C-alpha atoms as a PDB file:
ATOM      1  CA  MET A   1     -27.224-102.135  81.917  1.00  0.00           C
ATOM      2  CA  SER A   2     -28.511 -99.158  83.837  1.00  0.00           C
ATOM      3  CA  ALA A   3     -30.512 -96.420  82.238  1.00  0.00           C
ATOM      4  CA  MET A   4     -32.189 -93.101  82.961  1.00  0.00           C
ATOM      5  CA  ILE A   5     -34.823 -90.742  81.513  1.00  0.00           C
ATOM      6  CA  GLY A   6     -33.998 -87.039  81.389  1.00  0.00           C
ATOM      7  CA  CYS A   7     -36.138 -84.180  79.982  1.00  0.00           C
ATOM      8  CA  ARG A   8     -35.282 -80.517  79.790  1.00  0.00           C
ATOM      9  CA  ASP A   9     -37.756 -77.775  78.721  1.00  0.00           C
ATOM     10  CA  LEU A  10     -39.436 -80.468  76.688  1.00  0.00           C
ATOM     11  CA  ALA A  11     -42.562 -79.701  74.555  1.00  0.00           C
ATOM     12  CA  VAL A  12     -44.348 -82.623  72.872  1.00  0.00           C
ATOM     13  CA  GLY A  13     -47.117 -82.733  70.295  1.00  0.00           C
ATOM     14  CA  TYR A  14     -47.960 -83.325  66.615  1.00  0.00           C
ATOM     15  CA  GLY A  15     -47.343 -81.342  63.404  1.00  0.00           C
ATOM     16  CA  GLY A  16     -45.426 -78.671  65.269  1.00  0.00           C
ATOM     17  CA  HIS A  17     -48.328 -78.040  67.687  1.00  0.00           C
ATOM     18  CA  ALA A  18     -47.433 -78.703  71.370  1.00  0.00           C
ATOM     19  CA  VAL A  19     -49.979 -80.443  73.532  1.00  0.00           C
ATOM     20  CA  LEU A  20     -47.680 -80.448  76.601  1.00  0.00           C
ATOM     21  CA  ARG A  21     -44.870 -78.014  77.499  1.00  0.00           C
ATOM     22  CA  ASP A  22     -42.175 -77.313  80.065  1.00  0.00           C
ATOM     23  CA  VAL A  23     -41.505 -80.962  81.102  1.00  0.00           C
ATOM     24  CA  GLN A  24     -38.517 -81.334  83.433  1.00  0.00           C
ATOM     25  CA  LEU A  25     -37.682 -84.883  84.398  1.00  0.00           C
ATOM     26  CA  ASP A  26     -34.956 -87.051  85.938  1.00  0.00           C
ATOM     27  CA  VAL A  27     -35.874 -90.709  86.394  1.00  0.00           C
ATOM     28  CA  ARG A  28     -33.101 -93.073  87.462  1.00  0.00           C
ATOM     29  CA  ALA A  29     -32.635 -96.798  87.364  1.00  0.00           C
ATOM     30  CA  GLY A  30     -35.078 -98.570  89.642  1.00  0.00           C
ATOM     31  CA  GLN A  31     -37.488 -95.673  89.764  1.00  0.00           C
ATOM     32  CA  TRP A  32     -41.110 -95.511  88.555  1.00  0.00           C
ATOM     33  CA  LEU A  33     -42.549 -92.395  86.995  1.00  0.00           C
ATOM     34  CA  ALA A  34     -46.406 -92.116  86.820  1.00  0.00           C
ATOM     35  CA  ILE A  35     -47.789 -89.524  84.379  1.00  0.00           C
ATOM     36  CA  ILE A  36     -51.357 -88.762  85.373  1.00  0.00           C
ATOM     37  CA  GLY A  37     -53.962 -86.658  83.625  1.00  0.00           C
ATOM     38  CA  THR A  38     -57.202 -86.623  81.649  1.00  0.00           C
ATOM     39  CA  ASN A  39     -57.558 -87.750  78.061  1.00  0.00           C
ATOM     40  CA  GLY A  40     -55.962 -85.081  75.841  1.00  0.00           C
ATOM     41  CA  SER A  41     -53.698 -83.845  78.627  1.00  0.00           C
ATOM     42  CA  GLY A  42     -50.519 -84.924  76.857  1.00  0.00           C
ATOM     43  CA  LYS A  43     -49.536 -87.953  78.904  1.00  0.00           C
ATOM     44  CA  SER A  44     -49.693 -90.415  75.991  1.00  0.00           C
ATOM     45  CA  THR A  45     -47.892 -88.051  73.732  1.00  0.00           C
ATOM     46  CA  LEU A  46     -45.116 -87.643  76.313  1.00  0.00           C
ATOM     47  CA  LEU A  47     -44.796 -91.418  76.558  1.00  0.00           C
ATOM     48  CA  LYS A  48     -44.585 -91.751  72.721  1.00  0.00           C
ATOM     49  CA  THR A  49     -41.836 -89.117  72.716  1.00  0.00           C
ATOM     50  CA  LEU A  50     -39.919 -90.983  75.427  1.00  0.00           C
ATOM     51  CA  ALA A  51     -40.276 -94.101  73.277  1.00  0.00           C
ATOM     52  CA  GLY A  52     -38.761 -92.308  70.305  1.00  0.00           C
ATOM     53  CA  LEU A  53     -41.937 -92.528  68.239  1.00  0.00           C
ATOM     54  CA  LEU A  54     -42.345 -88.769  68.204  1.00  0.00           C
ATOM     55  CA  ALA A  55     -39.735 -86.052  67.912  1.00  0.00           C
ATOM     56  CA  PRO A  56     -39.792 -83.329  70.508  1.00  0.00           C
ATOM     57  CA  ILE A  57     -41.411 -80.052  69.484  1.00  0.00           C
ATOM     58  CA  SER A  58     -38.701 -78.292  71.497  1.00  0.00           C
ATOM     59  CA  GLY A  59     -36.355 -79.035  74.332  1.00  0.00           C
ATOM     60  CA  THR A  60     -34.712 -82.499  74.840  1.00  0.00           C
ATOM     61  CA  SER A  61     -35.908 -85.935  75.635  1.00  0.00           C
ATOM     62  CA  ASP A  62     -33.128 -88.354  76.605  1.00  0.00           C
ATOM     63  CA  VAL A  63     -33.373 -92.049  77.345  1.00  0.00           C
ATOM     64  CA  ARG A  64     -29.886 -93.401  77.741  1.00  0.00           C
ATOM     65  CA  ALA A  65     -27.546 -95.827  79.437  1.00  0.00           C
ATOM     66  CA  ILE A  66     -25.594 -94.529  82.427  1.00  0.00           C
ATOM     67  CA  GLY A  67     -22.384 -95.530  84.245  1.00  0.00           C
ATOM     68  CA  ASP A  68     -19.817 -97.701  82.378  1.00  0.00           C
ATOM     69  CA  ASP A  69     -22.338 -99.600  80.247  1.00  0.00           C
ATOM     70  CA  ARG A  70     -22.025 -99.555  76.482  1.00  0.00           C
ATOM     71  CA  GLY A  71     -24.707 -99.333  73.827  1.00  0.00           C
ATOM     72  CA  ALA A  72     -28.312 -98.145  73.808  1.00  0.00           C
ATOM     73  CA  PRO A  73     -30.690 -99.246  76.514  1.00  0.00           C
ATOM     74  CA  VAL A  74     -33.402-101.765  75.644  1.00  0.00           C
ATOM     75  CA  VAL A  75     -36.790 -99.944  75.588  1.00  0.00           C
ATOM     76  CA  SER A  76     -40.138-101.702  75.780  1.00  0.00           C
ATOM     77  CA  TYR A  77     -43.227 -99.685  74.896  1.00  0.00           C
ATOM     78  CA  LEU A  78     -46.826-100.808  75.308  1.00  0.00           C
ATOM     79  CA  SER A  79     -49.401 -98.629  73.598  1.00  0.00           C
ATOM     80  CA  GLN A  80     -52.826 -97.860  74.876  1.00  0.00           C
ATOM     81  CA  SER A  81     -54.548 -99.815  72.095  1.00  0.00           C
ATOM     82  CA  HIS A  82     -53.573-103.159  70.607  1.00  0.00           C
ATOM     83  CA  GLU A  83     -54.265-104.707  67.227  1.00  0.00           C
ATOM     84  CA  GLN A  84     -56.636-107.666  67.733  1.00  0.00           C
ATOM     85  CA  GLY A  85     -57.472-108.346  64.100  1.00  0.00           C
ATOM     86  CA  PHE A  86     -55.212-111.350  63.697  1.00  0.00           C
ATOM     87  CA  LEU A  87     -55.999-113.459  60.615  1.00  0.00           C
ATOM     88  CA  LEU A  88     -54.581-116.629  62.281  1.00  0.00           C
ATOM     89  CA  PRO A  89     -55.789-118.028  65.617  1.00  0.00           C
ATOM     90  CA  ILE A  90     -52.582-116.953  67.295  1.00  0.00           C
ATOM     91  CA  ARG A  91     -52.140-118.368  70.834  1.00  0.00           C
ATOM     92  CA  SER A  92     -51.595-116.138  73.909  1.00  0.00           C
ATOM     93  CA  ARG A  93     -48.163-117.641  74.459  1.00  0.00           C
ATOM     94  CA  ASP A  94     -47.148-116.752  70.888  1.00  0.00           C
ATOM     95  CA  VAL A  95     -48.078-113.123  71.505  1.00  0.00           C
ATOM     96  CA  VAL A  96     -45.972-113.014  74.677  1.00  0.00           C
ATOM     97  CA  CYS A  97     -43.074-114.692  72.776  1.00  0.00           C
ATOM     98  CA  MET A  98     -43.069-111.717  70.350  1.00  0.00           C
ATOM     99  CA  GLY A  99     -41.510-109.765  73.205  1.00  0.00           C
ATOM    100  CA  ARG A 100     -38.356-111.793  72.705  1.00  0.00           C
ATOM    101  CA  TRP A 101     -38.201-111.210  68.919  1.00  0.00           C
ATOM    102  CA  PRO A 102     -36.075-107.975  69.113  1.00  0.00           C
ATOM    103  CA  ALA A 103     -33.388-109.979  70.908  1.00  0.00           C
ATOM    104  CA  ARG A 104     -33.452-112.916  68.367  1.00  0.00           C
ATOM    105  CA  GLY A 105     -34.864-111.491  65.206  1.00  0.00           C
ATOM    106  CA  LEU A 106     -38.017-112.488  63.355  1.00  0.00           C
ATOM    107  CA  THR A 107     -36.436-115.694  62.000  1.00  0.00           C
ATOM    108  CA  GLY A 108     -34.324-116.456  65.030  1.00  0.00           C
ATOM    109  CA  ARG A 109     -35.131-119.440  67.273  1.00  0.00           C
ATOM    110  CA  LEU A 110     -35.960-118.653  70.824  1.00  0.00           C
ATOM    111  CA  ARG A 111     -33.467-120.125  73.286  1.00  0.00           C
ATOM    112  CA  SER A 112     -34.226-121.823  76.563  1.00  0.00           C
ATOM    113  CA  GLU A 113     -33.537-118.593  78.480  1.00  0.00           C
ATOM    114  CA  ASP A 114     -36.036-116.746  76.248  1.00  0.00           C
ATOM    115  CA  GLN A 115     -38.682-119.390  76.962  1.00  0.00           C
ATOM    116  CA  ALA A 116     -37.899-119.002  80.706  1.00  0.00           C
ATOM    117  CA  MET A 117     -38.428-115.261  80.453  1.00  0.00           C
ATOM    118  CA  VAL A 118     -41.762-115.822  78.672  1.00  0.00           C
ATOM    119  CA  ASP A 119     -42.827-118.274  81.473  1.00  0.00           C
ATOM    120  CA  GLU A 120     -41.822-115.748  84.111  1.00  0.00           C
ATOM    121  CA  ALA A 121     -43.823-112.908  82.552  1.00  0.00           C
ATOM    122  CA  MET A 122     -46.918-115.117  82.049  1.00  0.00           C
ATOM    123  CA  ASP A 123     -46.739-116.370  85.663  1.00  0.00           C
ATOM    124  CA  ALA A 124     -46.347-112.806  86.892  1.00  0.00           C
ATOM    125  CA  MET A 125     -49.545-111.775  85.142  1.00  0.00           C
ATOM    126  CA  GLY A 126     -51.512-114.917  86.012  1.00  0.00           C
ATOM    127  CA  ILE A 127     -51.997-116.089  82.473  1.00  0.00           C
ATOM    128  CA  ALA A 128     -50.092-119.396  82.351  1.00  0.00           C
ATOM    129  CA  ASN A 129     -53.410-121.156  82.091  1.00  0.00           C
ATOM    130  CA  LEU A 130     -54.256-119.084  78.976  1.00  0.00           C
ATOM    131  CA  ALA A 131     -51.106-120.133  77.128  1.00  0.00           C
ATOM    132  CA  ASP A 132     -52.853-122.167  74.415  1.00  0.00           C
ATOM    133  CA  GLN A 133     -55.958-119.978  74.158  1.00  0.00           C
ATOM    134  CA  PRO A 134     -56.383-117.995  70.895  1.00  0.00           C
ATOM    135  CA  LEU A 135     -56.053-114.323  71.720  1.00  0.00           C
ATOM    136  CA  GLY A 136     -59.315-113.571  69.870  1.00  0.00           C
ATOM    137  CA  THR A 137     -61.231-115.691  72.493  1.00  0.00           C
ATOM    138  CA  LEU A 138     -60.046-113.743  75.473  1.00  0.00           C
ATOM    139  CA  SER A 139     -61.752-110.893  77.262  1.00  0.00           C
ATOM    140  CA  GLY A 140     -60.366-107.376  77.127  1.00  0.00           C
ATOM    141  CA  GLY A 141     -58.730-107.659  80.515  1.00  0.00           C
ATOM    142  CA  GLN A 142     -57.153-110.995  79.726  1.00  0.00           C
ATOM    143  CA  CYS A 143     -55.719-109.588  76.482  1.00  0.00           C
ATOM    144  CA  GLN A 144     -54.370-106.695  78.458  1.00  0.00           C
ATOM    145  CA  ARG A 145     -52.489-109.107  80.736  1.00  0.00           C
ATOM    146  CA  VAL A 146     -51.093-110.886  77.693  1.00  0.00           C
ATOM    147  CA  HIS A 147     -49.758-107.676  76.271  1.00  0.00           C
ATOM    148  CA  LEU A 148     -48.316-106.626  79.579  1.00  0.00           C
ATOM    149  CA  ALA A 149     -46.525-109.982  79.804  1.00  0.00           C
ATOM    150  CA  GLN A 150     -45.219-109.410  76.298  1.00  0.00           C
ATOM    151  CA  ALA A 151     -43.728-105.986  77.314  1.00  0.00           C
ATOM    152  CA  MET A 152     -42.287-107.446  80.524  1.00  0.00           C
ATOM    153  CA  CYS A 153     -40.596-110.458  78.974  1.00  0.00           C
ATOM    154  CA  ARG A 154     -38.219-108.240  77.030  1.00  0.00           C
ATOM    155  CA  HIS A 155     -36.391-107.581  80.383  1.00  0.00           C
ATOM    156  CA  ALA A 156     -35.979-104.062  79.112  1.00  0.00           C
ATOM    157  CA  ASP A 157     -33.888-101.353  80.811  1.00  0.00           C
ATOM    158  CA  VAL A 158     -36.741 -98.831  80.240  1.00  0.00           C
ATOM    159  CA  LEU A 159     -40.440 -99.955  80.405  1.00  0.00           C
ATOM    160  CA  LEU A 160     -43.044 -97.508  79.058  1.00  0.00           C
ATOM    161  CA  LEU A 161     -46.649 -98.462  79.518  1.00  0.00           C
ATOM    162  CA  ASP A 162     -49.696 -96.496  78.354  1.00  0.00           C
ATOM    163  CA  GLU A 163     -52.787 -97.133  80.525  1.00  0.00           C
ATOM    164  CA  PRO A 164     -51.566-100.505  81.750  1.00  0.00           C
ATOM    165  CA  THR A 165     -54.407-101.108  84.174  1.00  0.00           C
ATOM    166  CA  ALA A 166     -57.197-100.552  81.546  1.00  0.00           C
ATOM    167  CA  GLY A 167     -59.775-103.397  81.736  1.00  0.00           C
ATOM    168  CA  LEU A 168     -58.062-105.153  84.729  1.00  0.00           C
ATOM    169  CA  ASP A 169     -60.007-106.171  87.730  1.00  0.00           C
ATOM    170  CA  ALA A 170     -58.710-105.665  91.239  1.00  0.00           C
ATOM    171  CA  ALA A 171     -56.815-108.938  91.532  1.00  0.00           C
ATOM    172  CA  SER A 172     -55.152-108.368  88.082  1.00  0.00           C
ATOM    173  CA  ARG A 173     -54.246-104.822  89.050  1.00  0.00           C
ATOM    174  CA  GLU A 174     -52.559-106.110  92.174  1.00  0.00           C
ATOM    175  CA  ARG A 175     -50.564-108.707  90.081  1.00  0.00           C
ATOM    176  CA  TYR A 176     -49.499-105.898  87.777  1.00  0.00           C
ATOM    177  CA  LEU A 177     -48.402-103.655  90.676  1.00  0.00           C
ATOM    178  CA  GLN A 178     -46.396-106.540  92.197  1.00  0.00           C
ATOM    179  CA  ALA A 179     -44.785-107.102  88.793  1.00  0.00           C
ATOM    180  CA  MET A 180     -43.757-103.473  88.671  1.00  0.00           C
ATOM    181  CA  ASP A 181     -42.151-103.844  92.103  1.00  0.00           C
ATOM    182  CA  THR A 182     -40.115-106.698  90.708  1.00  0.00           C
ATOM    183  CA  GLU A 183     -39.091-104.606  87.648  1.00  0.00           C
ATOM    184  CA  ARG A 184     -37.937-101.844  89.965  1.00  0.00           C
ATOM    185  CA  SER A 185     -35.879-104.315  92.019  1.00  0.00           C
ATOM    186  CA  ARG A 186     -34.160-105.326  88.752  1.00  0.00           C
ATOM    187  CA  GLY A 187     -33.157-101.680  88.221  1.00  0.00           C
ATOM    188  CA  THR A 188     -35.739-101.059  85.341  1.00  0.00           C
ATOM    189  CA  VAL A 189     -36.775 -97.476  84.670  1.00  0.00           C
ATOM    190  CA  ILE A 190     -40.579 -97.468  84.504  1.00  0.00           C
ATOM    191  CA  ALA A 191     -42.787 -94.753  83.064  1.00  0.00           C
ATOM    192  CA  THR A 192     -46.615 -95.232  82.907  1.00  0.00           C
ATOM    193  CA  ALA A 193     -49.386 -92.983  81.633  1.00  0.00           C
ATOM    194  CA  THR A 194     -52.486 -93.462  83.764  1.00  0.00           C
ATOM    195  CA  HIS A 195     -55.793 -92.176  84.999  1.00  0.00           C
ATOM    196  CA  ASP A 196     -55.514 -94.342  88.109  1.00  0.00           C
ATOM    197  CA  VAL A 197     -54.662 -92.334  91.230  1.00  0.00           C
ATOM    198  CA  ARG A 198     -53.968 -95.509  93.239  1.00  0.00           C
ATOM    199  CA  GLU A 199     -51.531 -96.789  90.655  1.00  0.00           C
ATOM    200  CA  ALA A 200     -49.720 -93.423  90.737  1.00  0.00           C
ATOM    201  CA  GLN A 201     -49.502 -93.725  94.550  1.00  0.00           C
ATOM    202  CA  ARG A 202     -47.180 -96.670  94.095  1.00  0.00           C
ATOM    203  CA  ALA A 203     -44.752 -94.757  91.887  1.00  0.00           C
ATOM    204  CA  ASP A 204     -41.545 -92.928  93.040  1.00  0.00           C
ATOM    205  CA  VAL A 205     -42.153 -89.758  90.960  1.00  0.00           C
ATOM    206  CA  VAL A 206     -45.517 -88.428  89.783  1.00  0.00           C
ATOM    207  CA  LEU A 207     -46.065 -85.899  86.958  1.00  0.00           C
ATOM    208  CA  VAL A 208     -49.600 -84.390  86.950  1.00  0.00           C
ATOM    209  CA  VAL A 209     -50.426 -82.937  83.554  1.00  0.00           C
ATOM    210  CA  ALA A 210     -53.174 -80.967  81.965  1.00  0.00           C
ATOM    211  CA  GLY A 211     -51.683 -79.621  78.744  1.00  0.00           C
ATOM    212  CA  ARG A 212     -49.033 -78.258  81.042  1.00  0.00           C
ATOM    213  CA  VAL A 213     -47.232 -79.586  84.072  1.00  0.00           C
ATOM    214  CA  VAL A 214     -49.563 -79.024  87.034  1.00  0.00           C
ATOM    215  CA  ALA A 215     -47.250 -80.692  89.606  1.00  0.00           C
ATOM    216  CA  ARG A 216     -44.172 -82.888  89.830  1.00  0.00           C
ATOM    217  CA  GLY A 217     -42.829 -84.728  92.820  1.00  0.00           C
ATOM    218  CA  ALA A 218     -43.293 -87.642  95.215  1.00  0.00           C
ATOM    219  CA  PRO A 219     -46.854 -89.096  95.352  1.00  0.00           C
ATOM    220  CA  GLY A 220     -47.535 -87.810  98.814  1.00  0.00           C
ATOM    221  CA  GLU A 221     -46.650 -84.303  97.757  1.00  0.00           C
ATOM    222  CA  VAL A 222     -48.586 -84.021  94.536  1.00  0.00           C
ATOM    223  CA  LEU A 223     -51.508 -86.466  94.691  1.00  0.00           C
ATOM    224  CA  THR A 224     -53.595 -84.090  96.783  1.00  0.00           C
ATOM    225  CA  ALA A 225     -57.244 -83.205  96.242  1.00  0.00           C
ATOM    226  CA  GLY A 226     -56.208 -79.672  95.267  1.00  0.00           C
ATOM    227  CA  VAL A 227     -53.724 -80.743  92.580  1.00  0.00           C
ATOM    228  CA  LEU A 228     -55.958 -83.426  91.167  1.00  0.00           C
ATOM    229  CA  ALA A 229     -59.001 -81.042  91.023  1.00  0.00           C
ATOM    230  CA  GLU A 230     -56.825 -78.656  89.031  1.00  0.00           C
ATOM    231  CA  ALA A 231     -55.931 -81.428  86.560  1.00  0.00           C
ATOM    232  CA  PHE A 232     -59.187 -83.312  86.354  1.00  0.00           C
ATOM    233  CA  GLY A 233     -61.838 -80.889  87.438  1.00  0.00           C
ATOM    234  CA  VAL A 234     -63.634 -83.078  90.027  1.00  0.00           C
ATOM    235  CA  VAL A 235     -62.239 -85.133  92.900  1.00  0.00           C
ATOM    236  CA  ILE A 236     -63.906 -87.044  95.725  1.00  0.00           C
ATOM    237  CA  SER A 237     -62.305 -88.802  98.674  1.00  0.00           C
ATOM    238  CA  ASP A 238     -62.727 -92.176 100.218  1.00  0.00           C
ATOM    239  CA  THR A 239     -60.974 -93.939 103.060  1.00  0.00           C
ATOM    240  CA  THR A 240     -57.860 -94.429 101.071  1.00  0.00           C
ATOM    241  CA  GLY A 241     -57.463 -90.877  99.692  1.00  0.00           C
ATOM    242  CA  PRO A 242     -58.456 -88.814  96.715  1.00  0.00           C
ATOM    243  CA  VAL A 243     -60.328 -90.564  93.882  1.00  0.00           C
ATOM    244  CA  VAL A 244     -60.724 -88.790  90.537  1.00  0.00           C
ATOM    245  CA  ILE A 245     -63.963 -88.303  88.645  1.00  0.00           C
ATOM    246  CA  ASP A 246     -62.881 -87.375  85.163  1.00  0.00           C
ATOM    247  CA  PRO A 247     -65.578 -85.434  83.257  1.00  0.00           C
ATOM    248  CA  HIS A 248     -63.432 -85.581  80.093  1.00  0.00           C
ATOM    249  CA  HIS A 249     -63.269 -89.365  79.858  1.00  0.00           C
ATOM    250  CA  GLY A 250     -65.724 -90.551  77.232  1.00  0.00           C
ATOM    251  CA  HIS A 251     -64.687 -94.141  76.458  1.00  0.00           C
ATOM    252  CA  ASP A 252     -66.002 -96.244  79.283  1.00  0.00           C
ATOM    253  CA  HIS A 253     -68.824 -98.457  78.204  1.00  0.00           C
ATOM    254  CA  HIS A 254     -70.345 -98.707  81.665  1.00  0.00           C
ATOM    255  CA  HIS A 255     -71.144 -94.992  81.892  1.00  0.00           C
ATOM    256  CA  GLY A 256     -71.782 -94.064  78.235  1.00  0.00           C
ATOM    257  CA  PRO A 257     -70.144 -91.355  76.066  1.00  0.00           C
ATOM    258  CA  GLY A 258     -69.351 -88.171  77.927  1.00  0.00           C
ATOM    259  CA  ALA A 259     -70.387 -89.451  81.325  1.00  0.00           C
ATOM    260  CA  PRO A 260     -68.160 -88.843  84.376  1.00  0.00           C
ATOM    261  CA  HIS A 261     -65.677 -91.725  85.060  1.00  0.00           C
ATOM    262  CA  VAL A 262     -64.529 -92.627  88.512  1.00  0.00           C
ATOM    263  CA  HIS A 263     -60.915 -93.729  88.662  1.00  0.00           C
ATOM    264  CA  GLY A 264     -60.222 -96.096  91.560  1.00  0.00           C
ATOM    265  CA  HIS A 265     -60.135 -99.805  92.283  1.00  0.00           C
ATOM    266  CA  ALA A 266     -63.354-101.753  92.066  1.00  0.00           C
ATOM    267  CA  PRO A 267     -63.980-105.410  92.637  1.00  0.00           C
ATOM    268  CA  GLY A 268     -64.921-107.587  89.673  1.00  0.00           C
ATOM    269  CA  HIS A 269     -63.514-109.539  86.733  1.00  0.00           C
ATOM    270  CA  ASP A 270     -61.279-108.587  83.833  1.00  0.00           C
ATOM    271  CA  HIS A 271     -63.679-107.058  81.267  1.00  0.00           C
ATOM    272  CA  ASP A 272     -63.765-105.979  77.675  1.00  0.00           C
ATOM    273  CA  HIS A 273     -62.496-102.408  77.474  1.00  0.00           C
END
């Protein structure tokens, strides 16, 4: 099945209060939309609206099948935070297998093709060696890769990911980016909410938001120092292009509450986030 995302004059928010307005979008099969902005800019709220978890304040949000296909598209949504308080020592593979439950039901037995999809997703995220590890014993970055594999193993028509690179080291980010290229080659529509400029550079369409749409277009057109400074406040440049310093980001344990946060790729290991 082929799918698309379309938004017209869309305003999103909570309790009738809009946190982001005037969203116009057309994202087709095989395209990747990156929504980039600070905390509180409306990017996560937009993603939840696309997922059908929130009703639009005004305008329209349409995620639908296109062409001659029948039925609703399969949508896979990964939120920014994940519940880790499992009472049972659930294995990493069990968590990934949950991505196949919508296709088989809670009491349905997974088929061989489902198991193959689970294997494929775990291999893509480099976590096959963690299959029997209880989720509670993993680092934050390892848990993030498990949840990414769960979202990917649905083989969804539309993949919605909120801060997918949170807690990932450089090698894991590259695995994730390669996995997104594979998803695009399958015709998947991808939308990610991110702080990461270098992730957004790999997308087809970028939406820069700051309570409003600052810019929309191809990465080379909108991921400029001027546009990012308007959205984030402070931008520096390195040899690969603009790198954001987000003065509004207050959740990074390396810098402390309220400290500026540099968004770019840094070497290291998957860490607790």
